[in-house]
Amino acid sequence: MVSAHPQGLAAGEPTAAEDEWARRRGPGPMGWGGCLEAAARPPRSGSSRFHTPVPSLPAREGGVAVRLLPLLSLLAFICEEVVSECGLCGGLYFFEFVSCSAFLLSLLLLIVYCTAVYDRVDTGKVKSSDFYITLGTGCVFLLASIIFVSTHSGTSAEIAAIVFGFLGSSMFLLDFVVMLCEKLRESPLRKPENNARAEALTEPLNA
């Protein structure tokens, strides 16, 4: 009777072809080839493991100021809310409204800059809105702090609210100055590009 195995191999020892097939197949039902094919496939768009990492820093200059604006506005609002009695309450109520609005607006801008939302919107419109919102909020916040100084009763909570109000309004205005300087630096860089585009548009007409 002729043995089914090649000469030189024991009865239970696999042949070279079987050994090569087992090596290529590897562990599991798919084998090494199936595992490599699965690894080479592009990830599905809905998979949460392959989401774009969220940036941890704001996407413009003055990042520290951007993070401090919501904190200072919130502290001013909390100190104002602790006040239980007031003589001239008009200044207190105006400061309450302005500090709360400043906190919400600065928090919204911080969320836009520090999340993936910034990549999905028009960055030019976001920076333009941030520019005017920061200027308006800083001026109104400073005005509210000045009015609150002239109408407060001298309690410790009111004084703390006034201090945080001036710090917050100063930080808003400082952030506006930073954005203004950044915009002034970008203006000379955009002029050569605009001139080059205008020359490119006029060349066919001259030809």
C-alpha atoms as a PDB file:
ATOM      1  CA  MET A   1       0.000   0.000   0.000  1.00  0.00           C
ATOM      2  CA  VAL A   2       1.437   3.384  -1.044  1.00  0.00           C
ATOM      3  CA  SER A   3       1.584   6.030   1.677  1.00  0.00           C
ATOM      4  CA  ALA A   4      -0.359   9.257   0.991  1.00  0.00           C
ATOM      5  CA  HIS A   5       2.416  11.348   2.506  1.00  0.00           C
ATOM      6  CA  PRO A   6       5.602  12.249   0.642  1.00  0.00           C
ATOM      7  CA  GLN A   7       8.792  10.428   1.513  1.00  0.00           C
ATOM      8  CA  GLY A   8      10.672  11.811   4.525  1.00  0.00           C
ATOM      9  CA  LEU A   9       7.522  12.962   6.374  1.00  0.00           C
ATOM     10  CA  ALA A  10       5.939  11.238   9.311  1.00  0.00           C
ATOM     11  CA  ALA A  11       2.367  10.106   9.147  1.00  0.00           C
ATOM     12  CA  GLY A  12       1.025  13.019  11.266  1.00  0.00           C
ATOM     13  CA  GLU A  13       3.363  15.712   9.914  1.00  0.00           C
ATOM     14  CA  PRO A  14       1.731  18.272   7.512  1.00  0.00           C
ATOM     15  CA  THR A  15       3.051  18.694   4.021  1.00  0.00           C
ATOM     16  CA  ALA A  16       4.722  21.893   2.794  1.00  0.00           C
ATOM     17  CA  ALA A  17       1.572  22.952   0.917  1.00  0.00           C
ATOM     18  CA  GLU A  18      -0.568  22.434   4.031  1.00  0.00           C
ATOM     19  CA  ASP A  19       1.949  24.331   6.166  1.00  0.00           C
ATOM     20  CA  GLU A  20       1.943  27.278   3.717  1.00  0.00           C
ATOM     21  CA  TRP A  21      -1.863  27.328   3.596  1.00  0.00           C
ATOM     22  CA  ALA A  22      -2.102  27.312   7.420  1.00  0.00           C
ATOM     23  CA  ARG A  23       0.486  30.083   7.693  1.00  0.00           C
ATOM     24  CA  ARG A  24      -1.417  32.275   5.271  1.00  0.00           C
ATOM     25  CA  ARG A  25      -4.732  31.516   6.873  1.00  0.00           C
ATOM     26  CA  GLY A  26      -3.612  32.316  10.421  1.00  0.00           C
ATOM     27  CA  PRO A  27      -5.909  32.132  13.472  1.00  0.00           C
ATOM     28  CA  GLY A  28      -9.611  32.722  13.208  1.00  0.00           C
ATOM     29  CA  PRO A  29     -12.097  32.118  10.403  1.00  0.00           C
ATOM     30  CA  MET A  30     -10.753  34.942   8.210  1.00  0.00           C
ATOM     31  CA  GLY A  31      -7.044  34.106   8.536  1.00  0.00           C
ATOM     32  CA  TRP A  32      -4.216  36.580   8.186  1.00  0.00           C
ATOM     33  CA  GLY A  33      -5.309  37.578   4.700  1.00  0.00           C
ATOM     34  CA  GLY A  34      -8.812  38.404   5.892  1.00  0.00           C
ATOM     35  CA  CYS A  35      -7.439  40.363   8.822  1.00  0.00           C
ATOM     36  CA  LEU A  36      -5.195  42.407   6.542  1.00  0.00           C
ATOM     37  CA  GLU A  37      -8.074  43.120   4.190  1.00  0.00           C
ATOM     38  CA  ALA A  38     -10.268  44.245   7.098  1.00  0.00           C
ATOM     39  CA  ALA A  39      -7.499  46.512   8.381  1.00  0.00           C
ATOM     40  CA  ALA A  40      -7.024  48.055   4.938  1.00  0.00           C
ATOM     41  CA  ARG A  41     -10.675  48.939   4.561  1.00  0.00           C
ATOM     42  CA  PRO A  42     -11.489  52.654   5.092  1.00  0.00           C
ATOM     43  CA  PRO A  43     -13.395  53.374   8.327  1.00  0.00           C
ATOM     44  CA  ARG A  44     -17.083  54.011   8.142  1.00  0.00           C
ATOM     45  CA  SER A  45     -18.119  57.653   8.320  1.00  0.00           C
ATOM     46  CA  GLY A  46     -20.426  56.985  11.256  1.00  0.00           C
ATOM     47  CA  SER A  47     -17.800  55.323  13.447  1.00  0.00           C
ATOM     48  CA  SER A  48     -17.105  57.349  16.578  1.00  0.00           C
ATOM     49  CA  ARG A  49     -13.509  56.088  16.845  1.00  0.00           C
ATOM     50  CA  PHE A  50     -12.459  57.917  13.700  1.00  0.00           C
ATOM     51  CA  HIS A  51     -13.936  61.332  14.439  1.00  0.00           C
ATOM     52  CA  THR A  52     -11.679  64.330  13.893  1.00  0.00           C
ATOM     53  CA  PRO A  53      -9.953  65.202  17.191  1.00  0.00           C
ATOM     54  CA  VAL A  54     -11.376  68.331  18.820  1.00  0.00           C
ATOM     55  CA  PRO A  55      -8.831  71.120  19.157  1.00  0.00           C
ATOM     56  CA  SER A  56      -8.124  72.187  22.726  1.00  0.00           C
ATOM     57  CA  LEU A  57      -7.034  75.755  21.917  1.00  0.00           C
ATOM     58  CA  PRO A  58      -8.955  78.551  20.277  1.00  0.00           C
ATOM     59  CA  ALA A  59      -8.288  79.046  16.578  1.00  0.00           C
ATOM     60  CA  ARG A  60      -7.102  82.658  16.861  1.00  0.00           C
ATOM     61  CA  GLU A  61      -4.814  84.872  18.874  1.00  0.00           C
ATOM     62  CA  GLY A  62      -5.717  85.882  22.398  1.00  0.00           C
ATOM     63  CA  GLY A  63      -6.577  82.320  23.425  1.00  0.00           C
ATOM     64  CA  VAL A  64      -6.067  83.000  27.130  1.00  0.00           C
ATOM     65  CA  ALA A  65      -8.407  85.985  26.982  1.00  0.00           C
ATOM     66  CA  VAL A  66     -11.051  83.915  25.194  1.00  0.00           C
ATOM     67  CA  ARG A  67     -11.043  81.370  28.019  1.00  0.00           C
ATOM     68  CA  LEU A  68     -11.074  84.035  30.761  1.00  0.00           C
ATOM     69  CA  LEU A  69     -14.065  85.977  29.396  1.00  0.00           C
ATOM     70  CA  PRO A  70     -16.752  83.433  30.400  1.00  0.00           C
ATOM     71  CA  LEU A  71     -15.112  82.900  33.803  1.00  0.00           C
ATOM     72  CA  LEU A  72     -14.930  86.581  34.745  1.00  0.00           C
ATOM     73  CA  SER A  73     -18.442  87.263  33.465  1.00  0.00           C
ATOM     74  CA  LEU A  74     -19.802  84.308  35.418  1.00  0.00           C
ATOM     75  CA  LEU A  75     -18.061  85.396  38.626  1.00  0.00           C
ATOM     76  CA  ALA A  76     -19.454  88.926  38.254  1.00  0.00           C
ATOM     77  CA  PHE A  77     -22.949  87.509  37.719  1.00  0.00           C
ATOM     78  CA  ILE A  78     -22.686  85.159  40.733  1.00  0.00           C
ATOM     79  CA  CYS A  79     -21.468  87.923  43.052  1.00  0.00           C
ATOM     80  CA  GLU A  80     -24.292  90.147  41.875  1.00  0.00           C
ATOM     81  CA  GLU A  81     -26.835  87.401  42.542  1.00  0.00           C
ATOM     82  CA  VAL A  82     -25.606  87.099  46.149  1.00  0.00           C
ATOM     83  CA  VAL A  83     -26.686  90.683  46.862  1.00  0.00           C
ATOM     84  CA  SER A  84     -29.899  90.524  48.907  1.00  0.00           C
ATOM     85  CA  GLU A  85     -30.683  94.219  49.340  1.00  0.00           C
ATOM     86  CA  CYS A  86     -30.171  97.291  47.199  1.00  0.00           C
ATOM     87  CA  GLY A  87     -30.844 101.005  47.537  1.00  0.00           C
ATOM     88  CA  LEU A  88     -30.900 102.004  43.869  1.00  0.00           C
ATOM     89  CA  CYS A  89     -31.720  98.716  42.172  1.00  0.00           C
ATOM     90  CA  GLY A  90     -31.589 100.028  38.603  1.00  0.00           C
ATOM     91  CA  GLY A  91     -27.817  99.750  38.407  1.00  0.00           C
ATOM     92  CA  LEU A  92     -27.906  96.310  39.984  1.00  0.00           C
ATOM     93  CA  TYR A  93     -30.480  94.989  37.514  1.00  0.00           C
ATOM     94  CA  PHE A  94     -28.639  96.466  34.546  1.00  0.00           C
ATOM     95  CA  PHE A  95     -25.378  94.913  35.718  1.00  0.00           C
ATOM     96  CA  GLU A  96     -27.155  91.586  36.190  1.00  0.00           C
ATOM     97  CA  PHE A  97     -28.478  91.601  32.615  1.00  0.00           C
ATOM     98  CA  VAL A  98     -25.162  92.674  31.078  1.00  0.00           C
ATOM     99  CA  SER A  99     -23.014  90.208  33.030  1.00  0.00           C
ATOM    100  CA  CYS A 100     -25.333  87.306  32.183  1.00  0.00           C
ATOM    101  CA  SER A 101     -25.393  88.294  28.504  1.00  0.00           C
ATOM    102  CA  ALA A 102     -21.606  88.651  28.456  1.00  0.00           C
ATOM    103  CA  PHE A 103     -21.209  85.187  29.960  1.00  0.00           C
ATOM    104  CA  LEU A 104     -23.528  83.550  27.416  1.00  0.00           C
ATOM    105  CA  LEU A 105     -21.975  85.313  24.417  1.00  0.00           C
ATOM    106  CA  SER A 106     -18.389  84.592  25.465  1.00  0.00           C
ATOM    107  CA  LEU A 107     -19.267  80.968  26.216  1.00  0.00           C
ATOM    108  CA  LEU A 108     -20.842  80.618  22.772  1.00  0.00           C
ATOM    109  CA  LEU A 109     -17.729  82.016  21.087  1.00  0.00           C
ATOM    110  CA  LEU A 110     -15.498  79.745  23.142  1.00  0.00           C
ATOM    111  CA  ILE A 111     -17.526  76.692  22.100  1.00  0.00           C
ATOM    112  CA  VAL A 112     -17.290  77.691  18.435  1.00  0.00           C
ATOM    113  CA  TYR A 113     -13.524  78.185  18.555  1.00  0.00           C
ATOM    114  CA  CYS A 114     -12.661  75.103  20.637  1.00  0.00           C
ATOM    115  CA  THR A 115     -14.850  72.491  18.920  1.00  0.00           C
ATOM    116  CA  ALA A 116     -15.279  71.043  15.451  1.00  0.00           C
ATOM    117  CA  VAL A 117     -18.010  73.628  14.780  1.00  0.00           C
ATOM    118  CA  TYR A 118     -15.273  76.059  13.722  1.00  0.00           C
ATOM    119  CA  ASP A 119     -14.366  73.811  10.760  1.00  0.00           C
ATOM    120  CA  ARG A 120     -17.969  73.586   9.578  1.00  0.00           C
ATOM    121  CA  VAL A 121     -18.815  77.284   9.398  1.00  0.00           C
ATOM    122  CA  ASP A 122     -17.475  80.257   7.465  1.00  0.00           C
ATOM    123  CA  THR A 123     -14.403  81.310   9.445  1.00  0.00           C
ATOM    124  CA  GLY A 124     -14.490  84.827   8.018  1.00  0.00           C
ATOM    125  CA  LYS A 125     -18.016  85.429   9.293  1.00  0.00           C
ATOM    126  CA  VAL A 126     -17.161  83.907  12.675  1.00  0.00           C
ATOM    127  CA  LYS A 127     -14.162  86.205  13.173  1.00  0.00           C
ATOM    128  CA  SER A 128     -16.121  89.221  11.973  1.00  0.00           C
ATOM    129  CA  SER A 129     -18.964  88.453  14.395  1.00  0.00           C
ATOM    130  CA  ASP A 130     -16.470  87.852  17.200  1.00  0.00           C
ATOM    131  CA  PHE A 131     -14.827  91.208  16.443  1.00  0.00           C
ATOM    132  CA  TYR A 132     -18.006  93.265  16.813  1.00  0.00           C
ATOM    133  CA  ILE A 133     -19.522  91.173  19.623  1.00  0.00           C
ATOM    134  CA  THR A 134     -16.361  91.550  21.707  1.00  0.00           C
ATOM    135  CA  LEU A 135     -16.253  95.323  21.155  1.00  0.00           C
ATOM    136  CA  GLY A 136     -19.946  95.848  21.949  1.00  0.00           C
ATOM    137  CA  THR A 137     -19.935  93.558  24.966  1.00  0.00           C
ATOM    138  CA  GLY A 138     -16.802  95.155  26.401  1.00  0.00           C
ATOM    139  CA  CYS A 139     -18.194  98.689  26.089  1.00  0.00           C
ATOM    140  CA  VAL A 140     -21.601  97.825  27.565  1.00  0.00           C
ATOM    141  CA  PHE A 141     -20.014  95.745  30.336  1.00  0.00           C
ATOM    142  CA  LEU A 142     -17.751  98.667  31.247  1.00  0.00           C
ATOM    143  CA  LEU A 143     -20.731 101.045  31.264  1.00  0.00           C
ATOM    144  CA  ALA A 144     -22.724  98.673  33.498  1.00  0.00           C
ATOM    145  CA  SER A 145     -19.804  98.433  35.933  1.00  0.00           C
ATOM    146  CA  ILE A 146     -19.496 102.223  36.109  1.00  0.00           C
ATOM    147  CA  ILE A 147     -23.233 102.617  36.753  1.00  0.00           C
ATOM    148  CA  PHE A 148     -23.110  99.889  39.402  1.00  0.00           C
ATOM    149  CA  VAL A 149     -20.250 101.717  41.153  1.00  0.00           C
ATOM    150  CA  SER A 150     -22.406 104.838  41.462  1.00  0.00           C
ATOM    151  CA  THR A 151     -25.469 102.976  42.772  1.00  0.00           C
ATOM    152  CA  HIS A 152     -24.094 100.194  44.979  1.00  0.00           C
ATOM    153  CA  SER A 153     -24.645 100.059  48.752  1.00  0.00           C
ATOM    154  CA  GLY A 154     -21.083  99.114  49.713  1.00  0.00           C
ATOM    155  CA  THR A 155     -21.591  95.450  50.599  1.00  0.00           C
ATOM    156  CA  SER A 156     -18.794  92.964  50.040  1.00  0.00           C
ATOM    157  CA  ALA A 157     -20.773  91.058  47.404  1.00  0.00           C
ATOM    158  CA  GLU A 158     -21.396  94.243  45.423  1.00  0.00           C
ATOM    159  CA  ILE A 159     -17.743  95.250  45.612  1.00  0.00           C
ATOM    160  CA  ALA A 160     -16.675  91.779  44.414  1.00  0.00           C
ATOM    161  CA  ALA A 161     -19.175  91.978  41.546  1.00  0.00           C
ATOM    162  CA  ILE A 162     -17.840  95.402  40.570  1.00  0.00           C
ATOM    163  CA  VAL A 163     -14.233  94.148  40.621  1.00  0.00           C
ATOM    164  CA  PHE A 164     -15.054  91.184  38.389  1.00  0.00           C
ATOM    165  CA  GLY A 165     -17.125  93.472  36.185  1.00  0.00           C
ATOM    166  CA  PHE A 166     -14.182  95.789  35.552  1.00  0.00           C
ATOM    167  CA  LEU A 167     -11.856  92.843  35.038  1.00  0.00           C
ATOM    168  CA  GLY A 168     -14.277  91.241  32.591  1.00  0.00           C
ATOM    169  CA  SER A 169     -14.903  94.429  30.620  1.00  0.00           C
ATOM    170  CA  SER A 170     -11.157  95.141  30.491  1.00  0.00           C
ATOM    171  CA  MET A 171     -10.529  91.630  29.205  1.00  0.00           C
ATOM    172  CA  PHE A 172     -13.194  92.057  26.514  1.00  0.00           C
ATOM    173  CA  LEU A 173     -11.599  95.303  25.349  1.00  0.00           C
ATOM    174  CA  LEU A 174      -8.120  93.790  25.475  1.00  0.00           C
ATOM    175  CA  ASP A 175      -9.313  90.891  23.369  1.00  0.00           C
ATOM    176  CA  PHE A 176     -10.766  93.386  20.895  1.00  0.00           C
ATOM    177  CA  VAL A 177      -7.403  95.183  20.668  1.00  0.00           C
ATOM    178  CA  VAL A 178      -5.669  91.845  19.972  1.00  0.00           C
ATOM    179  CA  MET A 179      -8.118  91.059  17.156  1.00  0.00           C
ATOM    180  CA  LEU A 180      -7.743  94.589  15.769  1.00  0.00           C
ATOM    181  CA  CYS A 181      -3.948  94.251  15.634  1.00  0.00           C
ATOM    182  CA  GLU A 182      -4.314  90.867  13.972  1.00  0.00           C
ATOM    183  CA  LYS A 183      -6.662  92.329  11.362  1.00  0.00           C
ATOM    184  CA  LEU A 184      -4.299  95.243  10.674  1.00  0.00           C
ATOM    185  CA  ARG A 185      -1.412  92.816  10.118  1.00  0.00           C
ATOM    186  CA  GLU A 186      -3.474  90.753   7.673  1.00  0.00           C
ATOM    187  CA  SER A 187      -4.598  93.756   5.591  1.00  0.00           C
ATOM    188  CA  PRO A 188      -1.212  94.426   3.864  1.00  0.00           C
ATOM    189  CA  LEU A 189      -0.900  90.729   3.054  1.00  0.00           C
ATOM    190  CA  ARG A 190      -4.251  90.660   1.284  1.00  0.00           C
ATOM    191  CA  LYS A 191      -3.550  93.679  -0.951  1.00  0.00           C
ATOM    192  CA  PRO A 192      -0.952  91.928  -3.190  1.00  0.00           C
ATOM    193  CA  GLU A 193      -3.306  88.972  -3.611  1.00  0.00           C
ATOM    194  CA  ASN A 194      -6.162  91.267  -4.645  1.00  0.00           C
ATOM    195  CA  ASN A 195      -3.883  93.099  -7.103  1.00  0.00           C
ATOM    196  CA  ALA A 196      -2.741  89.812  -8.618  1.00  0.00           C
ATOM    197  CA  ARG A 197      -6.333  88.666  -9.063  1.00  0.00           C
ATOM    198  CA  ALA A 198      -7.302  91.964 -10.665  1.00  0.00           C
ATOM    199  CA  GLU A 199      -4.380  91.733 -13.127  1.00  0.00           C
ATOM    200  CA  ALA A 200      -5.323  88.144 -13.971  1.00  0.00           C
ATOM    201  CA  LEU A 201      -8.873  89.259 -14.769  1.00  0.00           C
ATOM    202  CA  THR A 202      -7.751  92.178 -16.976  1.00  0.00           C
ATOM    203  CA  GLU A 203      -5.197  90.207 -19.015  1.00  0.00           C
ATOM    204  CA  PRO A 204      -7.735  88.594 -21.418  1.00  0.00           C
ATOM    205  CA  LEU A 205      -9.288  92.008 -22.071  1.00  0.00           C
ATOM    206  CA  ASN A 206      -5.930  93.558 -22.959  1.00  0.00           C
ATOM    207  CA  ALA A 207      -5.074  90.658 -25.219  1.00  0.00           C
END
